[in-house]
Amino acid sequence: MFARLSMPTVSDNLDLRDDSHLRSLDIRCIRSLNGCRVTDEILHLVPNKENFWLTLCAIKLWEKRRGVYSNMLGFLGRVYWAMLVARMCQLYPNALASTLVKNFLFFSRWEWPKPVLLKQHEESNLNLPVWDPRVNPSDRYHVMPIITPAYPQQNSTYNMSIST
C-alpha cells in the first residue's frame, strides 16, 4: 500500500477512518488507502470483536476446504467474507461464534441483488463516485452487491456472476 498524505509526518495513531484524509488525494491513493479504511471500519462496526474473529476464522477454514475463496476465479475474496461475517455479527449481536457459524448459511437465502450493507451511505463533500443504483445505471446490474463500509462506498463483488 502506498498513498501520499498531505501531512508532514504520519503518527502511529492516525485514524484513517477520517474522510478528511482523502481530501487532495488522487483516486489511486484513495483506492490504496481504502483497503485499510474498510478493514478499520469493519472492526469498528462489529459489536463483539472476539466473536467476529472466531466466526471469521471458521468461515475462512470452511471456504478454503471447499476451494471457494478466490476473487480471481469469481468467488468471494477474504475481505468479502469478512464483510458478510460482520453483517451476521450485527444482525445477531449477542450470538456466540458457534451460533454465527451455524447460521451463516443465512446468506444462501439472501434476496440478491439486495445489497449487504454494514452501514448506510454517508454524504461527503468530496464528490467521489459511490455505489448507488439510483444514480449509476451500471450498478443496477450487479448480481451480488456487498458494499464496502468506508467512503467512497463501492460494490466489492462487482465481478460476481450468476454462475458463481
N, C-alpha and C. Protein backbone atom coordinates (compact mmCIF):
# COMPACT_ATOMS: atom_id res chain seq x y z
N MET A 1 0.84 -1.16 0.00
CA MET A 1 0.00 0.00 0.00
C MET A 1 0.89 1.23 0.00
N PHE A 2 0.54 2.19 -0.82
CA PHE A 2 1.24 3.46 -0.85
C PHE A 2 0.22 4.55 -1.09
N ALA A 3 0.32 5.62 -0.32
CA ALA A 3 -0.53 6.79 -0.53
C ALA A 3 0.20 8.00 0.00
N ARG A 4 0.06 9.09 -0.70
CA ARG A 4 0.64 10.36 -0.26
C ARG A 4 -0.40 11.11 0.53
N LEU A 5 -0.11 11.34 1.79
CA LEU A 5 -0.99 12.12 2.63
C LEU A 5 -0.43 13.53 2.75
N SER A 6 -1.31 14.50 2.79
CA SER A 6 -0.85 15.88 2.88
C SER A 6 -0.64 16.27 4.34
N MET A 7 0.41 15.68 4.93
CA MET A 7 0.80 15.99 6.30
C MET A 7 2.31 15.75 6.41
N PRO A 8 2.99 16.51 7.24
CA PRO A 8 4.45 16.38 7.31
C PRO A 8 4.92 15.05 7.88
N THR A 9 4.21 14.50 8.86
CA THR A 9 4.56 13.20 9.44
C THR A 9 3.29 12.40 9.67
N VAL A 10 3.45 11.11 9.73
CA VAL A 10 2.31 10.22 9.98
C VAL A 10 2.50 9.60 11.36
N SER A 11 1.56 9.88 12.24
CA SER A 11 1.67 9.35 13.60
C SER A 11 1.18 7.91 13.67
N ASP A 12 1.60 7.20 14.69
CA ASP A 12 1.19 5.80 14.87
C ASP A 12 -0.30 5.67 15.13
N ASN A 13 -0.92 6.70 15.66
CA ASN A 13 -2.34 6.61 15.99
C ASN A 13 -3.21 7.36 14.99
N LEU A 14 -2.76 7.48 13.76
CA LEU A 14 -3.53 8.13 12.70
C LEU A 14 -4.82 7.35 12.45
N ASP A 15 -5.93 8.03 12.51
CA ASP A 15 -7.24 7.40 12.27
C ASP A 15 -7.59 7.54 10.79
N LEU A 16 -7.37 6.49 10.03
CA LEU A 16 -7.66 6.53 8.60
C LEU A 16 -9.15 6.54 8.29
N ARG A 17 -9.97 6.28 9.29
CA ARG A 17 -11.42 6.31 9.07
C ARG A 17 -11.93 7.73 8.84
N ASP A 18 -11.14 8.72 9.16
CA ASP A 18 -11.50 10.12 8.98
C ASP A 18 -11.43 10.47 7.50
N ASP A 19 -12.59 10.79 6.90
CA ASP A 19 -12.65 11.08 5.47
C ASP A 19 -11.83 12.29 5.07
N SER A 20 -11.53 13.18 5.99
CA SER A 20 -10.77 14.39 5.64
C SER A 20 -9.37 14.04 5.14
N HIS A 21 -8.86 12.86 5.47
CA HIS A 21 -7.55 12.44 4.98
C HIS A 21 -7.57 12.19 3.47
N LEU A 22 -8.76 12.03 2.90
CA LEU A 22 -8.87 11.77 1.46
C LEU A 22 -8.80 13.06 0.64
N ARG A 23 -9.00 14.18 1.30
CA ARG A 23 -9.00 15.47 0.61
C ARG A 23 -7.64 15.68 -0.07
N SER A 24 -7.67 16.09 -1.28
CA SER A 24 -6.49 16.41 -2.11
C SER A 24 -5.70 15.17 -2.55
N LEU A 25 -6.24 13.98 -2.36
CA LEU A 25 -5.57 12.77 -2.86
C LEU A 25 -6.11 12.40 -4.23
N ASP A 26 -5.27 11.80 -5.05
CA ASP A 26 -5.77 11.31 -6.33
C ASP A 26 -6.47 9.97 -6.11
N ILE A 27 -7.18 9.51 -7.11
CA ILE A 27 -8.02 8.31 -6.96
C ILE A 27 -7.18 7.07 -6.67
N ARG A 28 -5.95 6.99 -7.17
CA ARG A 28 -5.09 5.83 -6.88
C ARG A 28 -4.73 5.77 -5.40
N CYS A 29 -4.42 6.91 -4.82
CA CYS A 29 -4.10 6.94 -3.38
C CYS A 29 -5.33 6.61 -2.55
N ILE A 30 -6.48 7.11 -2.98
CA ILE A 30 -7.73 6.83 -2.25
C ILE A 30 -8.01 5.33 -2.28
N ARG A 31 -7.87 4.71 -3.44
CA ARG A 31 -8.10 3.26 -3.54
C ARG A 31 -7.09 2.48 -2.71
N SER A 32 -5.86 2.96 -2.67
CA SER A 32 -4.84 2.30 -1.88
C SER A 32 -5.18 2.36 -0.39
N LEU A 33 -5.58 3.52 0.07
CA LEU A 33 -5.96 3.68 1.48
C LEU A 33 -7.25 2.95 1.82
N ASN A 34 -8.11 2.76 0.84
CA ASN A 34 -9.43 2.20 1.12
C ASN A 34 -9.36 0.78 1.68
N GLY A 35 -8.34 0.01 1.35
CA GLY A 35 -8.21 -1.33 1.93
C GLY A 35 -8.11 -1.25 3.45
N CYS A 36 -7.24 -0.39 3.93
CA CYS A 36 -7.09 -0.20 5.38
C CYS A 36 -8.34 0.44 5.98
N ARG A 37 -8.90 1.38 5.27
CA ARG A 37 -10.09 2.07 5.77
C ARG A 37 -11.27 1.10 5.90
N VAL A 38 -11.44 0.22 4.94
CA VAL A 38 -12.53 -0.78 5.00
C VAL A 38 -12.31 -1.71 6.19
N THR A 39 -11.08 -2.20 6.36
CA THR A 39 -10.78 -3.09 7.48
C THR A 39 -11.04 -2.41 8.81
N ASP A 40 -10.56 -1.17 8.96
CA ASP A 40 -10.78 -0.43 10.20
C ASP A 40 -12.27 -0.22 10.46
N GLU A 41 -13.01 0.09 9.40
CA GLU A 41 -14.45 0.35 9.55
C GLU A 41 -15.19 -0.93 9.91
N ILE A 42 -14.82 -2.05 9.32
CA ILE A 42 -15.44 -3.33 9.67
C ILE A 42 -15.27 -3.59 11.16
N LEU A 43 -14.04 -3.46 11.64
CA LEU A 43 -13.77 -3.72 13.06
C LEU A 43 -14.51 -2.74 13.97
N HIS A 44 -14.69 -1.53 13.50
CA HIS A 44 -15.43 -0.52 14.28
C HIS A 44 -16.92 -0.86 14.36
N LEU A 45 -17.45 -1.48 13.32
CA LEU A 45 -18.89 -1.71 13.21
C LEU A 45 -19.38 -3.02 13.83
N VAL A 46 -18.47 -3.95 14.15
CA VAL A 46 -18.93 -5.20 14.76
C VAL A 46 -19.11 -5.01 16.26
N PRO A 47 -20.19 -5.54 16.81
CA PRO A 47 -20.46 -5.33 18.24
C PRO A 47 -19.55 -6.14 19.17
N ASN A 48 -19.05 -7.30 18.71
CA ASN A 48 -18.21 -8.14 19.56
C ASN A 48 -17.05 -8.65 18.71
N LYS A 49 -15.89 -8.03 18.89
CA LYS A 49 -14.74 -8.35 18.04
C LYS A 49 -14.26 -9.80 18.21
N GLU A 50 -14.33 -10.32 19.42
CA GLU A 50 -13.88 -11.70 19.65
C GLU A 50 -14.75 -12.69 18.88
N ASN A 51 -16.06 -12.52 18.96
CA ASN A 51 -16.96 -13.41 18.21
C ASN A 51 -16.77 -13.23 16.71
N PHE A 52 -16.51 -12.00 16.29
CA PHE A 52 -16.25 -11.73 14.87
C PHE A 52 -15.03 -12.53 14.41
N TRP A 53 -13.92 -12.42 15.15
CA TRP A 53 -12.69 -13.10 14.75
C TRP A 53 -12.85 -14.62 14.75
N LEU A 54 -13.49 -15.17 15.77
CA LEU A 54 -13.69 -16.62 15.83
C LEU A 54 -14.56 -17.10 14.66
N THR A 55 -15.61 -16.37 14.39
CA THR A 55 -16.50 -16.74 13.28
C THR A 55 -15.77 -16.63 11.96
N LEU A 56 -15.03 -15.55 11.77
CA LEU A 56 -14.30 -15.35 10.53
C LEU A 56 -13.27 -16.47 10.31
N CYS A 57 -12.57 -16.87 11.36
CA CYS A 57 -11.60 -17.99 11.23
C CYS A 57 -12.30 -19.26 10.79
N ALA A 58 -13.45 -19.54 11.36
CA ALA A 58 -14.20 -20.75 10.99
C ALA A 58 -14.68 -20.68 9.54
N ILE A 59 -15.17 -19.53 9.13
CA ILE A 59 -15.65 -19.37 7.75
C ILE A 59 -14.48 -19.46 6.77
N LYS A 60 -13.33 -18.90 7.12
CA LYS A 60 -12.15 -19.00 6.25
C LYS A 60 -11.71 -20.45 6.09
N LEU A 61 -11.76 -21.21 7.16
CA LEU A 61 -11.42 -22.63 7.08
C LEU A 61 -12.41 -23.36 6.17
N TRP A 62 -13.68 -23.08 6.34
CA TRP A 62 -14.73 -23.69 5.51
C TRP A 62 -14.52 -23.36 4.04
N GLU A 63 -14.31 -22.08 3.72
CA GLU A 63 -14.17 -21.68 2.32
C GLU A 63 -12.89 -22.22 1.69
N LYS A 64 -11.83 -22.31 2.48
CA LYS A 64 -10.58 -22.84 1.95
C LYS A 64 -10.70 -24.33 1.65
N ARG A 65 -11.34 -25.08 2.54
CA ARG A 65 -11.51 -26.53 2.34
C ARG A 65 -12.39 -26.83 1.13
N ARG A 66 -13.29 -25.92 0.81
CA ARG A 66 -14.17 -26.12 -0.33
C ARG A 66 -13.67 -25.46 -1.60
N GLY A 67 -12.57 -24.72 -1.50
CA GLY A 67 -11.97 -24.08 -2.67
C GLY A 67 -12.82 -22.97 -3.26
N VAL A 68 -13.51 -22.23 -2.41
CA VAL A 68 -14.40 -21.17 -2.90
C VAL A 68 -13.97 -19.80 -2.36
N TYR A 69 -12.67 -19.53 -2.39
CA TYR A 69 -12.20 -18.29 -1.78
C TYR A 69 -11.42 -17.39 -2.71
N SER A 70 -11.35 -17.66 -3.97
CA SER A 70 -10.50 -16.87 -4.85
C SER A 70 -11.29 -15.83 -5.62
N ASN A 71 -11.03 -14.59 -5.34
CA ASN A 71 -11.64 -13.50 -6.08
C ASN A 71 -11.27 -13.57 -7.55
N MET A 72 -10.06 -14.00 -7.84
CA MET A 72 -9.59 -14.10 -9.22
C MET A 72 -10.40 -15.12 -10.03
N LEU A 73 -10.95 -16.10 -9.34
CA LEU A 73 -11.72 -17.14 -10.02
C LEU A 73 -13.23 -16.86 -9.98
N GLY A 74 -13.61 -15.69 -9.49
CA GLY A 74 -15.02 -15.32 -9.45
C GLY A 74 -15.72 -15.64 -8.14
N PHE A 75 -14.99 -16.17 -7.17
CA PHE A 75 -15.56 -16.44 -5.86
C PHE A 75 -15.32 -15.23 -4.96
N LEU A 76 -15.84 -15.29 -3.76
CA LEU A 76 -15.62 -14.21 -2.81
C LEU A 76 -14.18 -14.22 -2.32
N GLY A 77 -13.59 -13.05 -2.21
CA GLY A 77 -12.26 -12.91 -1.62
C GLY A 77 -12.39 -12.78 -0.11
N ARG A 78 -11.28 -12.75 0.55
CA ARG A 78 -11.27 -12.77 2.01
C ARG A 78 -11.99 -11.58 2.64
N VAL A 79 -11.80 -10.38 2.10
CA VAL A 79 -12.46 -9.22 2.71
C VAL A 79 -13.97 -9.30 2.55
N TYR A 80 -14.45 -9.94 1.50
CA TYR A 80 -15.89 -10.07 1.29
C TYR A 80 -16.49 -11.00 2.34
N TRP A 81 -15.77 -12.10 2.62
CA TRP A 81 -16.23 -13.00 3.68
C TRP A 81 -16.26 -12.24 5.00
N ALA A 82 -15.26 -11.39 5.23
CA ALA A 82 -15.21 -10.60 6.48
C ALA A 82 -16.42 -9.67 6.58
N MET A 83 -16.81 -9.07 5.46
CA MET A 83 -17.98 -8.18 5.49
C MET A 83 -19.26 -8.97 5.77
N LEU A 84 -19.37 -10.17 5.21
CA LEU A 84 -20.56 -10.99 5.48
C LEU A 84 -20.59 -11.43 6.94
N VAL A 85 -19.45 -11.82 7.48
CA VAL A 85 -19.38 -12.21 8.90
C VAL A 85 -19.73 -11.00 9.77
N ALA A 86 -19.22 -9.83 9.42
CA ALA A 86 -19.52 -8.63 10.18
C ALA A 86 -21.02 -8.34 10.17
N ARG A 87 -21.65 -8.54 9.02
CA ARG A 87 -23.10 -8.32 8.94
C ARG A 87 -23.85 -9.30 9.83
N MET A 88 -23.41 -10.57 9.85
CA MET A 88 -24.03 -11.55 10.75
C MET A 88 -23.88 -11.11 12.19
N CYS A 89 -22.71 -10.61 12.54
CA CYS A 89 -22.46 -10.14 13.91
C CYS A 89 -23.38 -8.96 14.25
N GLN A 90 -23.65 -8.11 13.28
CA GLN A 90 -24.58 -7.00 13.51
C GLN A 90 -26.01 -7.49 13.68
N LEU A 91 -26.40 -8.46 12.86
CA LEU A 91 -27.77 -8.97 12.92
C LEU A 91 -28.03 -9.75 14.21
N TYR A 92 -27.01 -10.43 14.72
CA TYR A 92 -27.12 -11.24 15.93
C TYR A 92 -26.02 -10.84 16.92
N PRO A 93 -26.12 -9.65 17.52
CA PRO A 93 -25.03 -9.12 18.34
C PRO A 93 -24.74 -9.92 19.60
N ASN A 94 -25.70 -10.68 20.09
CA ASN A 94 -25.50 -11.44 21.33
C ASN A 94 -25.19 -12.91 21.08
N ALA A 95 -25.10 -13.30 19.82
CA ALA A 95 -24.86 -14.71 19.49
C ALA A 95 -23.39 -15.08 19.69
N LEU A 96 -23.18 -16.31 20.12
CA LEU A 96 -21.83 -16.85 20.22
C LEU A 96 -21.30 -17.15 18.83
N ALA A 97 -19.99 -17.26 18.71
CA ALA A 97 -19.37 -17.55 17.42
C ALA A 97 -19.91 -18.84 16.82
N SER A 98 -20.13 -19.86 17.64
CA SER A 98 -20.63 -21.14 17.13
C SER A 98 -22.02 -20.97 16.51
N THR A 99 -22.84 -20.13 17.10
CA THR A 99 -24.18 -19.86 16.56
C THR A 99 -24.07 -19.06 15.26
N LEU A 100 -23.16 -18.11 15.21
CA LEU A 100 -22.97 -17.32 13.99
C LEU A 100 -22.52 -18.21 12.83
N VAL A 101 -21.61 -19.14 13.11
CA VAL A 101 -21.14 -20.06 12.07
C VAL A 101 -22.30 -20.94 11.60
N LYS A 102 -23.04 -21.46 12.55
CA LYS A 102 -24.17 -22.34 12.23
C LYS A 102 -25.21 -21.63 11.36
N ASN A 103 -25.42 -20.35 11.64
CA ASN A 103 -26.44 -19.59 10.91
C ASN A 103 -25.89 -18.86 9.70
N PHE A 104 -24.63 -19.07 9.35
CA PHE A 104 -24.02 -18.31 8.26
C PHE A 104 -24.68 -18.60 6.92
N LEU A 105 -25.30 -19.76 6.78
CA LEU A 105 -25.99 -20.08 5.53
C LEU A 105 -27.18 -19.17 5.28
N PHE A 106 -27.44 -18.30 6.25
CA PHE A 106 -28.44 -17.25 6.10
C PHE A 106 -28.25 -16.53 4.76
N PHE A 107 -27.01 -16.33 4.34
CA PHE A 107 -26.75 -15.61 3.10
C PHE A 107 -27.09 -16.43 1.86
N SER A 108 -27.25 -17.73 1.99
CA SER A 108 -27.69 -18.51 0.83
C SER A 108 -29.16 -18.23 0.51
N ARG A 109 -29.87 -17.65 1.48
CA ARG A 109 -31.27 -17.29 1.29
C ARG A 109 -31.46 -15.78 1.15
N TRP A 110 -30.37 -15.05 1.05
CA TRP A 110 -30.42 -13.59 0.92
C TRP A 110 -31.14 -13.23 -0.38
N GLU A 111 -31.88 -12.17 -0.37
CA GLU A 111 -32.64 -11.74 -1.55
C GLU A 111 -31.76 -10.92 -2.49
N TRP A 112 -30.80 -11.61 -3.14
CA TRP A 112 -29.93 -10.92 -4.09
C TRP A 112 -30.76 -10.45 -5.26
N PRO A 113 -30.52 -9.30 -5.79
CA PRO A 113 -29.39 -8.41 -5.62
C PRO A 113 -29.57 -7.32 -4.55
N LYS A 114 -30.36 -7.57 -3.54
CA LYS A 114 -30.43 -6.63 -2.42
C LYS A 114 -29.02 -6.54 -1.82
N PRO A 115 -28.50 -5.32 -1.65
CA PRO A 115 -27.11 -5.19 -1.19
C PRO A 115 -26.93 -5.53 0.29
N VAL A 116 -25.77 -6.05 0.61
CA VAL A 116 -25.36 -6.25 2.00
C VAL A 116 -24.63 -4.98 2.41
N LEU A 117 -25.17 -4.30 3.41
CA LEU A 117 -24.60 -3.04 3.90
C LEU A 117 -24.27 -3.17 5.38
N LEU A 118 -23.08 -2.74 5.77
CA LEU A 118 -22.73 -2.71 7.19
C LEU A 118 -23.19 -1.41 7.82
N LYS A 119 -23.36 -0.39 6.99
CA LYS A 119 -23.91 0.89 7.46
C LYS A 119 -24.48 1.61 6.25
N GLN A 120 -25.37 2.53 6.51
CA GLN A 120 -25.98 3.31 5.43
C GLN A 120 -24.95 4.28 4.86
N HIS A 121 -25.17 4.64 3.61
CA HIS A 121 -24.28 5.61 2.96
C HIS A 121 -24.28 6.92 3.73
N GLU A 122 -23.10 7.49 3.84
CA GLU A 122 -22.98 8.80 4.45
C GLU A 122 -22.59 9.80 3.37
N GLU A 123 -23.17 10.96 3.45
CA GLU A 123 -22.84 12.01 2.48
C GLU A 123 -21.45 12.57 2.77
N SER A 124 -20.78 12.99 1.72
CA SER A 124 -19.47 13.60 1.86
C SER A 124 -19.35 14.70 0.81
N ASN A 125 -18.64 15.73 1.14
CA ASN A 125 -18.45 16.81 0.18
C ASN A 125 -17.24 16.58 -0.72
N LEU A 126 -16.69 15.38 -0.70
CA LEU A 126 -15.53 15.07 -1.54
C LEU A 126 -15.94 14.70 -2.96
N ASN A 127 -17.22 14.43 -3.18
CA ASN A 127 -17.77 14.16 -4.50
C ASN A 127 -17.07 13.02 -5.24
N LEU A 128 -16.75 11.96 -4.52
CA LEU A 128 -16.18 10.78 -5.15
C LEU A 128 -17.31 9.85 -5.58
N PRO A 129 -17.11 9.08 -6.63
CA PRO A 129 -18.18 8.16 -7.07
C PRO A 129 -18.40 7.05 -6.04
N VAL A 130 -19.65 6.82 -5.69
CA VAL A 130 -20.01 5.76 -4.75
C VAL A 130 -21.01 4.84 -5.41
N TRP A 131 -21.13 3.62 -4.87
CA TRP A 131 -22.10 2.67 -5.40
C TRP A 131 -23.50 3.16 -5.07
N ASP A 132 -24.30 3.36 -6.11
CA ASP A 132 -25.67 3.82 -5.92
C ASP A 132 -26.47 3.50 -7.18
N PRO A 133 -27.26 2.44 -7.16
CA PRO A 133 -28.01 2.05 -8.36
C PRO A 133 -29.06 3.08 -8.78
N ARG A 134 -29.43 3.99 -7.88
CA ARG A 134 -30.38 5.04 -8.26
C ARG A 134 -29.73 6.07 -9.16
N VAL A 135 -28.42 6.25 -9.02
CA VAL A 135 -27.68 7.27 -9.77
C VAL A 135 -26.87 6.66 -10.91
N ASN A 136 -26.24 5.53 -10.66
CA ASN A 136 -25.36 4.89 -11.63
C ASN A 136 -26.06 3.70 -12.27
N PRO A 137 -26.47 3.81 -13.52
CA PRO A 137 -27.19 2.71 -14.17
C PRO A 137 -26.44 1.38 -14.15
N SER A 138 -25.12 1.40 -14.26
CA SER A 138 -24.37 0.13 -14.28
C SER A 138 -24.46 -0.60 -12.94
N ASP A 139 -24.66 0.13 -11.85
CA ASP A 139 -24.78 -0.50 -10.53
C ASP A 139 -26.06 -1.34 -10.41
N ARG A 140 -27.03 -1.08 -11.24
CA ARG A 140 -28.30 -1.82 -11.20
C ARG A 140 -28.14 -3.26 -11.65
N TYR A 141 -27.06 -3.57 -12.34
CA TYR A 141 -26.87 -4.90 -12.91
C TYR A 141 -25.95 -5.78 -12.08
N HIS A 142 -25.54 -5.32 -10.93
CA HIS A 142 -24.69 -6.13 -10.07
C HIS A 142 -25.51 -7.25 -9.45
N VAL A 143 -24.97 -8.45 -9.52
CA VAL A 143 -25.69 -9.65 -9.12
C VAL A 143 -25.71 -9.86 -7.61
N MET A 144 -24.60 -9.56 -6.96
CA MET A 144 -24.43 -9.88 -5.54
C MET A 144 -23.71 -8.74 -4.83
N PRO A 145 -24.33 -7.58 -4.70
CA PRO A 145 -23.60 -6.43 -4.14
C PRO A 145 -23.33 -6.56 -2.64
N ILE A 146 -22.05 -6.50 -2.30
CA ILE A 146 -21.59 -6.41 -0.92
C ILE A 146 -20.82 -5.09 -0.86
N ILE A 147 -21.38 -4.11 -0.17
CA ILE A 147 -20.90 -2.74 -0.25
C ILE A 147 -19.90 -2.46 0.86
N THR A 148 -18.76 -1.90 0.48
CA THR A 148 -17.74 -1.56 1.46
C THR A 148 -18.26 -0.47 2.39
N PRO A 149 -17.91 -0.53 3.68
CA PRO A 149 -18.45 0.44 4.63
C PRO A 149 -17.73 1.78 4.66
N ALA A 150 -16.53 1.87 4.08
CA ALA A 150 -15.76 3.11 4.12
C ALA A 150 -16.04 3.95 2.88
N TYR A 151 -16.07 5.24 3.06
CA TYR A 151 -16.25 6.15 1.93
C TYR A 151 -14.99 6.15 1.08
N PRO A 152 -15.09 6.13 -0.22
CA PRO A 152 -16.28 6.05 -1.04
C PRO A 152 -16.78 4.61 -1.14
N GLN A 153 -18.03 4.37 -0.77
CA GLN A 153 -18.60 3.03 -0.75
C GLN A 153 -18.63 2.46 -2.17
N GLN A 154 -18.14 1.22 -2.28
CA GLN A 154 -18.09 0.55 -3.57
C GLN A 154 -18.65 -0.86 -3.44
N ASN A 155 -19.11 -1.41 -4.54
CA ASN A 155 -19.52 -2.81 -4.55
C ASN A 155 -18.26 -3.64 -4.67
N SER A 156 -17.95 -4.37 -3.63
CA SER A 156 -16.73 -5.16 -3.62
C SER A 156 -16.83 -6.41 -4.48
N THR A 157 -18.03 -6.77 -4.88
CA THR A 157 -18.23 -8.00 -5.66
C THR A 157 -18.75 -7.71 -7.05
N TYR A 158 -18.28 -6.64 -7.65
CA TYR A 158 -18.75 -6.24 -8.98
C TYR A 158 -18.48 -7.29 -10.03
N ASN A 159 -17.49 -8.17 -9.80
CA ASN A 159 -17.13 -9.19 -10.80
C ASN A 159 -17.87 -10.52 -10.60
N MET A 160 -18.79 -10.57 -9.67
CA MET A 160 -19.55 -11.81 -9.46
C MET A 160 -20.55 -11.99 -10.60
N SER A 161 -20.80 -13.25 -10.93
CA SER A 161 -21.80 -13.55 -11.96
C SER A 161 -22.81 -14.55 -11.41
N ILE A 162 -23.84 -14.79 -12.14
CA ILE A 162 -24.88 -15.73 -11.69
C ILE A 162 -24.30 -17.13 -11.54
N SER A 163 -23.32 -17.48 -12.36
CA SER A 163 -22.76 -18.84 -12.29
C SER A 163 -21.88 -19.06 -11.06
N THR A 164 -21.36 -18.00 -10.46
CA THR A 164 -20.56 -18.18 -9.26
C THR A 164 -21.46 -18.05 -8.05
